[in-house]
N, C-alpha and C. Protein backbone atom coordinates (compact mmCIF):
# COMPACT_ATOMS: atom_id res chain seq x y z
N MET A 1 33.45 18.11 24.65
CA MET A 1 32.43 18.34 25.64
C MET A 1 31.23 17.47 25.31
N MET A 2 30.63 16.90 26.31
CA MET A 2 29.49 16.01 26.13
C MET A 2 28.21 16.81 25.97
N ASN A 3 27.33 16.29 25.16
CA ASN A 3 26.03 16.90 24.95
C ASN A 3 25.13 16.52 26.11
N ALA A 4 24.50 17.50 26.76
CA ALA A 4 23.70 17.24 27.95
C ALA A 4 22.36 16.59 27.61
N THR A 5 21.82 16.86 26.42
CA THR A 5 20.54 16.26 26.05
C THR A 5 20.77 14.95 25.32
N PRO A 6 20.10 13.90 25.75
CA PRO A 6 20.28 12.62 25.07
C PRO A 6 19.66 12.66 23.67
N THR A 7 20.28 12.01 22.74
CA THR A 7 19.76 11.98 21.38
C THR A 7 18.98 10.69 21.17
N THR A 8 18.06 10.74 20.27
CA THR A 8 17.24 9.59 19.94
C THR A 8 17.03 9.56 18.43
N SER A 9 16.76 8.41 17.92
CA SER A 9 16.53 8.28 16.49
C SER A 9 15.03 8.14 16.17
N ARG A 10 14.18 8.56 17.08
CA ARG A 10 12.74 8.49 16.84
C ARG A 10 12.30 9.32 15.64
N PRO A 11 12.80 10.54 15.43
CA PRO A 11 12.39 11.28 14.23
C PRO A 11 12.79 10.57 12.93
N GLU A 12 13.93 9.93 12.91
CA GLU A 12 14.35 9.22 11.71
C GLU A 12 13.44 8.02 11.44
N ALA A 13 13.07 7.30 12.49
CA ALA A 13 12.16 6.17 12.32
C ALA A 13 10.78 6.65 11.87
N ALA A 14 10.31 7.77 12.43
CA ALA A 14 9.03 8.33 12.01
C ALA A 14 9.09 8.79 10.56
N PHE A 15 10.24 9.33 10.14
CA PHE A 15 10.44 9.73 8.74
C PHE A 15 10.27 8.54 7.81
N VAL A 16 10.87 7.42 8.15
CA VAL A 16 10.76 6.22 7.31
C VAL A 16 9.31 5.75 7.24
N LEU A 17 8.61 5.74 8.36
CA LEU A 17 7.22 5.31 8.35
C LEU A 17 6.32 6.29 7.59
N LEU A 18 6.60 7.59 7.71
CA LEU A 18 5.82 8.56 6.94
C LEU A 18 6.09 8.43 5.45
N LEU A 19 7.32 8.12 5.07
CA LEU A 19 7.60 7.88 3.65
C LEU A 19 6.87 6.64 3.15
N LEU A 20 6.83 5.59 3.96
CA LEU A 20 6.07 4.40 3.58
C LEU A 20 4.59 4.74 3.39
N GLN A 21 4.05 5.52 4.29
CA GLN A 21 2.65 5.91 4.19
C GLN A 21 2.43 6.75 2.94
N ALA A 22 3.36 7.64 2.62
CA ALA A 22 3.24 8.45 1.41
C ALA A 22 3.30 7.58 0.16
N ILE A 23 4.15 6.57 0.18
CA ILE A 23 4.23 5.66 -0.97
C ILE A 23 2.93 4.89 -1.13
N PHE A 24 2.35 4.41 -0.04
CA PHE A 24 1.08 3.69 -0.12
C PHE A 24 -0.02 4.58 -0.71
N TRP A 25 -0.06 5.84 -0.26
CA TRP A 25 -1.08 6.75 -0.78
C TRP A 25 -0.79 7.13 -2.23
N MET A 26 0.48 7.23 -2.61
CA MET A 26 0.81 7.53 -3.99
C MET A 26 0.35 6.39 -4.90
N VAL A 27 0.58 5.16 -4.49
CA VAL A 27 0.13 4.01 -5.28
C VAL A 27 -1.39 3.99 -5.37
N ALA A 28 -2.07 4.31 -4.29
CA ALA A 28 -3.53 4.34 -4.31
C ALA A 28 -4.04 5.45 -5.24
N GLY A 29 -3.38 6.60 -5.22
CA GLY A 29 -3.78 7.69 -6.11
C GLY A 29 -3.54 7.36 -7.57
N LEU A 30 -2.41 6.73 -7.87
CA LEU A 30 -2.13 6.34 -9.24
C LEU A 30 -3.06 5.24 -9.71
N ALA A 31 -3.44 4.34 -8.80
CA ALA A 31 -4.36 3.26 -9.16
C ALA A 31 -5.77 3.77 -9.44
N ALA A 32 -6.12 4.92 -8.91
CA ALA A 32 -7.46 5.48 -9.15
C ALA A 32 -7.57 6.15 -10.51
N LEU A 33 -6.46 6.61 -11.06
CA LEU A 33 -6.52 7.37 -12.31
C LEU A 33 -6.99 6.56 -13.52
N PRO A 34 -6.64 5.29 -13.70
CA PRO A 34 -7.16 4.57 -14.87
C PRO A 34 -8.68 4.43 -14.89
N PHE A 35 -9.33 4.48 -13.73
CA PHE A 35 -10.78 4.41 -13.71
C PHE A 35 -11.40 5.64 -14.37
N ALA A 36 -10.69 6.75 -14.37
CA ALA A 36 -11.18 7.95 -15.05
C ALA A 36 -11.22 7.73 -16.55
N LEU A 37 -10.28 6.96 -17.07
CA LEU A 37 -10.29 6.65 -18.50
C LEU A 37 -11.47 5.77 -18.88
N ALA A 38 -11.97 5.02 -17.91
CA ALA A 38 -13.10 4.13 -18.17
C ALA A 38 -14.44 4.83 -18.03
N GLY A 39 -14.43 6.12 -17.77
CA GLY A 39 -15.68 6.87 -17.73
C GLY A 39 -16.07 7.40 -16.37
N GLU A 40 -15.39 7.02 -15.31
CA GLU A 40 -15.71 7.54 -13.98
C GLU A 40 -14.88 8.79 -13.74
N VAL A 41 -15.40 9.91 -14.16
CA VAL A 41 -14.66 11.16 -14.20
C VAL A 41 -14.30 11.64 -12.79
N HIS A 42 -15.12 11.34 -11.80
CA HIS A 42 -14.83 11.80 -10.44
C HIS A 42 -13.56 11.16 -9.86
N MET A 43 -13.11 10.06 -10.46
CA MET A 43 -11.90 9.41 -9.96
C MET A 43 -10.64 10.24 -10.23
N ILE A 44 -10.73 11.16 -11.21
CA ILE A 44 -9.60 12.07 -11.43
C ILE A 44 -9.37 12.92 -10.18
N GLY A 45 -10.46 13.47 -9.66
CA GLY A 45 -10.34 14.29 -8.46
C GLY A 45 -9.86 13.50 -7.25
N LEU A 46 -10.40 12.30 -7.09
CA LEU A 46 -9.97 11.47 -5.96
C LEU A 46 -8.51 11.06 -6.09
N GLY A 47 -8.10 10.70 -7.30
CA GLY A 47 -6.70 10.31 -7.52
C GLY A 47 -5.75 11.47 -7.28
N LEU A 48 -6.11 12.65 -7.80
CA LEU A 48 -5.24 13.82 -7.61
C LEU A 48 -5.21 14.27 -6.15
N ALA A 49 -6.35 14.17 -5.47
CA ALA A 49 -6.37 14.53 -4.04
C ALA A 49 -5.49 13.57 -3.24
N THR A 50 -5.53 12.29 -3.59
CA THR A 50 -4.70 11.32 -2.89
C THR A 50 -3.22 11.55 -3.18
N LEU A 51 -2.91 11.91 -4.42
CA LEU A 51 -1.51 12.22 -4.76
C LEU A 51 -1.02 13.46 -4.03
N LEU A 52 -1.88 14.47 -3.90
CA LEU A 52 -1.49 15.67 -3.14
C LEU A 52 -1.31 15.35 -1.65
N LEU A 53 -2.15 14.48 -1.13
CA LEU A 53 -1.99 14.05 0.26
C LEU A 53 -0.67 13.31 0.45
N ALA A 54 -0.32 12.48 -0.52
CA ALA A 54 0.95 11.76 -0.45
C ALA A 54 2.12 12.73 -0.50
N LEU A 55 2.02 13.77 -1.34
CA LEU A 55 3.08 14.78 -1.39
C LEU A 55 3.19 15.52 -0.06
N PHE A 56 2.06 15.86 0.54
CA PHE A 56 2.08 16.56 1.83
C PHE A 56 2.71 15.68 2.90
N VAL A 57 2.38 14.40 2.93
CA VAL A 57 2.95 13.51 3.94
C VAL A 57 4.44 13.34 3.71
N CYS A 58 4.87 13.31 2.46
CA CYS A 58 6.31 13.22 2.17
C CYS A 58 7.03 14.48 2.67
N LEU A 59 6.48 15.65 2.39
CA LEU A 59 7.08 16.89 2.87
C LEU A 59 7.04 16.98 4.39
N MET A 60 5.97 16.46 4.97
CA MET A 60 5.86 16.43 6.42
C MET A 60 6.93 15.51 7.03
N GLY A 61 7.18 14.39 6.37
CA GLY A 61 8.24 13.49 6.83
C GLY A 61 9.61 14.14 6.77
N ILE A 62 9.85 14.91 5.72
CA ILE A 62 11.12 15.64 5.62
C ILE A 62 11.22 16.67 6.75
N GLY A 63 10.10 17.33 7.06
CA GLY A 63 10.09 18.27 8.18
C GLY A 63 10.35 17.59 9.51
N VAL A 64 9.83 16.38 9.69
CA VAL A 64 10.10 15.62 10.91
C VAL A 64 11.58 15.26 10.97
N LEU A 65 12.14 14.87 9.84
CA LEU A 65 13.55 14.53 9.80
C LEU A 65 14.42 15.74 10.15
N TRP A 66 14.00 16.91 9.71
CA TRP A 66 14.73 18.15 10.02
C TRP A 66 14.34 18.71 11.38
N ARG A 67 13.48 17.98 12.10
CA ARG A 67 13.05 18.32 13.46
C ARG A 67 12.35 19.69 13.53
N ARG A 68 11.41 19.87 12.66
CA ARG A 68 10.59 21.09 12.67
C ARG A 68 9.35 20.84 13.52
N ARG A 69 9.02 21.80 14.35
CA ARG A 69 7.90 21.66 15.26
C ARG A 69 6.58 21.53 14.52
N TRP A 70 6.38 22.31 13.43
CA TRP A 70 5.14 22.25 12.67
C TRP A 70 4.94 20.87 12.05
N ALA A 71 6.03 20.23 11.64
CA ALA A 71 5.92 18.91 11.01
C ALA A 71 5.51 17.86 12.03
N ARG A 72 6.04 17.96 13.24
CA ARG A 72 5.66 17.01 14.29
C ARG A 72 4.18 17.15 14.62
N ARG A 73 3.72 18.38 14.77
CA ARG A 73 2.31 18.61 15.07
C ARG A 73 1.42 18.14 13.93
N ALA A 74 1.82 18.48 12.70
CA ALA A 74 1.02 18.07 11.54
C ALA A 74 0.98 16.55 11.42
N ALA A 75 2.10 15.89 11.68
CA ALA A 75 2.14 14.43 11.59
C ALA A 75 1.22 13.80 12.64
N LEU A 76 1.23 14.34 13.84
CA LEU A 76 0.34 13.80 14.87
C LEU A 76 -1.12 14.01 14.50
N VAL A 77 -1.46 15.17 13.95
CA VAL A 77 -2.84 15.43 13.55
C VAL A 77 -3.26 14.50 12.41
N VAL A 78 -2.40 14.36 11.41
CA VAL A 78 -2.72 13.49 10.27
C VAL A 78 -2.89 12.04 10.72
N GLU A 79 -2.04 11.59 11.61
CA GLU A 79 -2.12 10.20 12.06
C GLU A 79 -3.35 9.96 12.92
N VAL A 80 -3.75 10.92 13.73
CA VAL A 80 -4.99 10.77 14.51
C VAL A 80 -6.19 10.74 13.57
N ILE A 81 -6.18 11.58 12.53
CA ILE A 81 -7.26 11.56 11.54
C ILE A 81 -7.28 10.21 10.82
N CYS A 82 -6.11 9.69 10.51
CA CYS A 82 -6.04 8.36 9.88
C CYS A 82 -6.62 7.28 10.79
N MET A 83 -6.35 7.38 12.08
CA MET A 83 -6.90 6.40 13.02
C MET A 83 -8.43 6.51 13.09
N LEU A 84 -8.95 7.74 13.08
CA LEU A 84 -10.40 7.92 13.08
C LEU A 84 -11.01 7.37 11.79
N GLY A 85 -10.36 7.62 10.66
CA GLY A 85 -10.85 7.08 9.40
C GLY A 85 -10.80 5.56 9.36
N ALA A 86 -9.76 4.98 9.92
CA ALA A 86 -9.67 3.53 9.98
C ALA A 86 -10.77 2.96 10.86
N GLY A 87 -11.05 3.66 11.96
CA GLY A 87 -12.15 3.21 12.81
C GLY A 87 -13.49 3.28 12.11
N LEU A 88 -13.68 4.34 11.31
CA LEU A 88 -14.95 4.47 10.59
C LEU A 88 -15.11 3.42 9.50
N THR A 89 -14.01 2.96 8.93
CA THR A 89 -14.12 1.94 7.88
C THR A 89 -14.07 0.52 8.42
N LEU A 90 -13.41 0.30 9.54
CA LEU A 90 -13.25 -1.07 10.04
C LEU A 90 -14.33 -1.51 11.02
N LEU A 91 -14.90 -0.58 11.77
CA LEU A 91 -15.87 -0.97 12.81
C LEU A 91 -17.24 -1.34 12.25
N PRO A 92 -17.86 -0.55 11.36
CA PRO A 92 -19.18 -0.97 10.87
C PRO A 92 -19.06 -2.20 9.97
N PRO A 93 -20.09 -3.02 9.96
CA PRO A 93 -20.04 -4.24 9.13
C PRO A 93 -20.33 -3.93 7.66
N LEU A 94 -19.48 -3.14 7.05
CA LEU A 94 -19.60 -2.82 5.63
C LEU A 94 -18.61 -3.68 4.86
N GLY A 95 -18.39 -3.36 3.62
CA GLY A 95 -17.51 -4.16 2.78
C GLY A 95 -16.05 -3.76 2.85
N ALA A 96 -15.59 -3.19 3.94
CA ALA A 96 -14.20 -2.75 4.05
C ALA A 96 -13.27 -3.96 4.20
N ASN A 97 -12.08 -3.82 3.68
CA ASN A 97 -11.08 -4.87 3.78
C ASN A 97 -10.54 -4.92 5.20
N ARG A 98 -10.60 -6.09 5.83
CA ARG A 98 -10.12 -6.25 7.20
C ARG A 98 -8.95 -7.22 7.27
N GLY A 99 -8.22 -7.36 6.18
CA GLY A 99 -7.09 -8.28 6.14
C GLY A 99 -5.88 -7.74 6.86
N PRO A 100 -4.81 -8.52 6.93
CA PRO A 100 -3.62 -8.10 7.66
C PRO A 100 -2.94 -6.88 7.04
N VAL A 101 -2.97 -6.75 5.72
CA VAL A 101 -2.33 -5.58 5.10
C VAL A 101 -3.10 -4.32 5.45
N ALA A 102 -4.42 -4.37 5.38
CA ALA A 102 -5.23 -3.20 5.72
C ALA A 102 -5.04 -2.82 7.19
N LEU A 103 -4.95 -3.81 8.06
CA LEU A 103 -4.74 -3.49 9.48
C LEU A 103 -3.36 -2.90 9.73
N LEU A 104 -2.36 -3.41 9.04
CA LEU A 104 -1.01 -2.86 9.22
C LEU A 104 -0.90 -1.45 8.69
N VAL A 105 -1.47 -1.20 7.51
CA VAL A 105 -1.34 0.12 6.89
C VAL A 105 -2.25 1.14 7.56
N ASN A 106 -3.48 0.76 7.89
CA ASN A 106 -4.46 1.71 8.40
C ASN A 106 -4.46 1.87 9.91
N VAL A 107 -3.92 0.89 10.63
CA VAL A 107 -3.96 0.96 12.10
C VAL A 107 -2.55 0.96 12.70
N ALA A 108 -1.76 -0.05 12.36
CA ALA A 108 -0.45 -0.20 13.00
C ALA A 108 0.52 0.91 12.61
N LEU A 109 0.53 1.31 11.35
CA LEU A 109 1.44 2.37 10.91
C LEU A 109 1.15 3.71 11.59
N PRO A 110 -0.11 4.18 11.62
CA PRO A 110 -0.37 5.43 12.36
C PRO A 110 -0.08 5.33 13.85
N ILE A 111 -0.37 4.18 14.45
CA ILE A 111 -0.07 4.01 15.88
C ILE A 111 1.44 4.11 16.12
N ALA A 112 2.22 3.50 15.23
CA ALA A 112 3.68 3.55 15.38
C ALA A 112 4.21 4.97 15.24
N VAL A 113 3.67 5.74 14.28
CA VAL A 113 4.14 7.12 14.10
C VAL A 113 3.74 7.97 15.31
N ILE A 114 2.52 7.79 15.81
CA ILE A 114 2.09 8.54 17.00
C ILE A 114 2.98 8.19 18.18
N TRP A 115 3.28 6.91 18.36
CA TRP A 115 4.13 6.49 19.47
C TRP A 115 5.53 7.08 19.35
N LEU A 116 6.05 7.16 18.13
CA LEU A 116 7.40 7.70 17.95
C LEU A 116 7.47 9.20 18.18
N LEU A 117 6.41 9.93 17.84
CA LEU A 117 6.45 11.39 17.94
C LEU A 117 5.83 11.93 19.22
N TRP A 118 5.24 11.07 20.04
CA TRP A 118 4.57 11.52 21.26
C TRP A 118 5.57 11.56 22.41
N GLY A 119 5.37 12.46 23.33
CA GLY A 119 6.14 12.47 24.55
C GLY A 119 6.99 13.71 24.72
N ARG A 120 7.37 13.92 25.96
CA ARG A 120 8.12 15.12 26.33
C ARG A 120 9.54 15.09 25.78
N ARG A 121 10.18 13.92 25.80
CA ARG A 121 11.55 13.83 25.31
C ARG A 121 11.63 14.08 23.81
N THR A 122 10.66 13.55 23.07
CA THR A 122 10.64 13.77 21.63
C THR A 122 10.30 15.22 21.32
N ARG A 123 9.37 15.79 22.06
CA ARG A 123 8.99 17.19 21.84
C ARG A 123 10.18 18.12 22.05
N ALA A 124 11.08 17.77 22.95
CA ALA A 124 12.23 18.62 23.23
C ALA A 124 13.25 18.62 22.07
N LEU A 125 13.17 17.62 21.20
CA LEU A 125 14.10 17.57 20.06
C LEU A 125 13.75 18.55 18.96
N PHE A 126 12.48 18.93 18.88
CA PHE A 126 12.01 19.75 17.77
C PHE A 126 12.12 21.23 18.11
N THR A 127 12.56 22.00 17.10
CA THR A 127 12.72 23.45 17.31
C THR A 127 11.65 24.24 16.62
């Protein structure tokens, strides 16, 4: 018997992008920890917070892969917050990095995840 609802691989693609984002944040969190050894004690908190955020995004990606409704909603919220944060760092003429890697990680990746998880057809896949 044929399945009446069409299947899509959008959740799997969003899972891969969320794992990439978690890896980027994990590397950033680990890179902050050596500064704590140099005397900047507050970097311990920032590094651990970034590592916890990376863990949450990884678990959220697993939830998206398993098509959980809470994971889809949480991923959309996190990605919108990431877009707002990217706007706050990229728009003012401060010392923020505006290179191609920063634009891909901070702008293109969240836009791609939002595009993959947005819409009525994708919402119907999640239980």
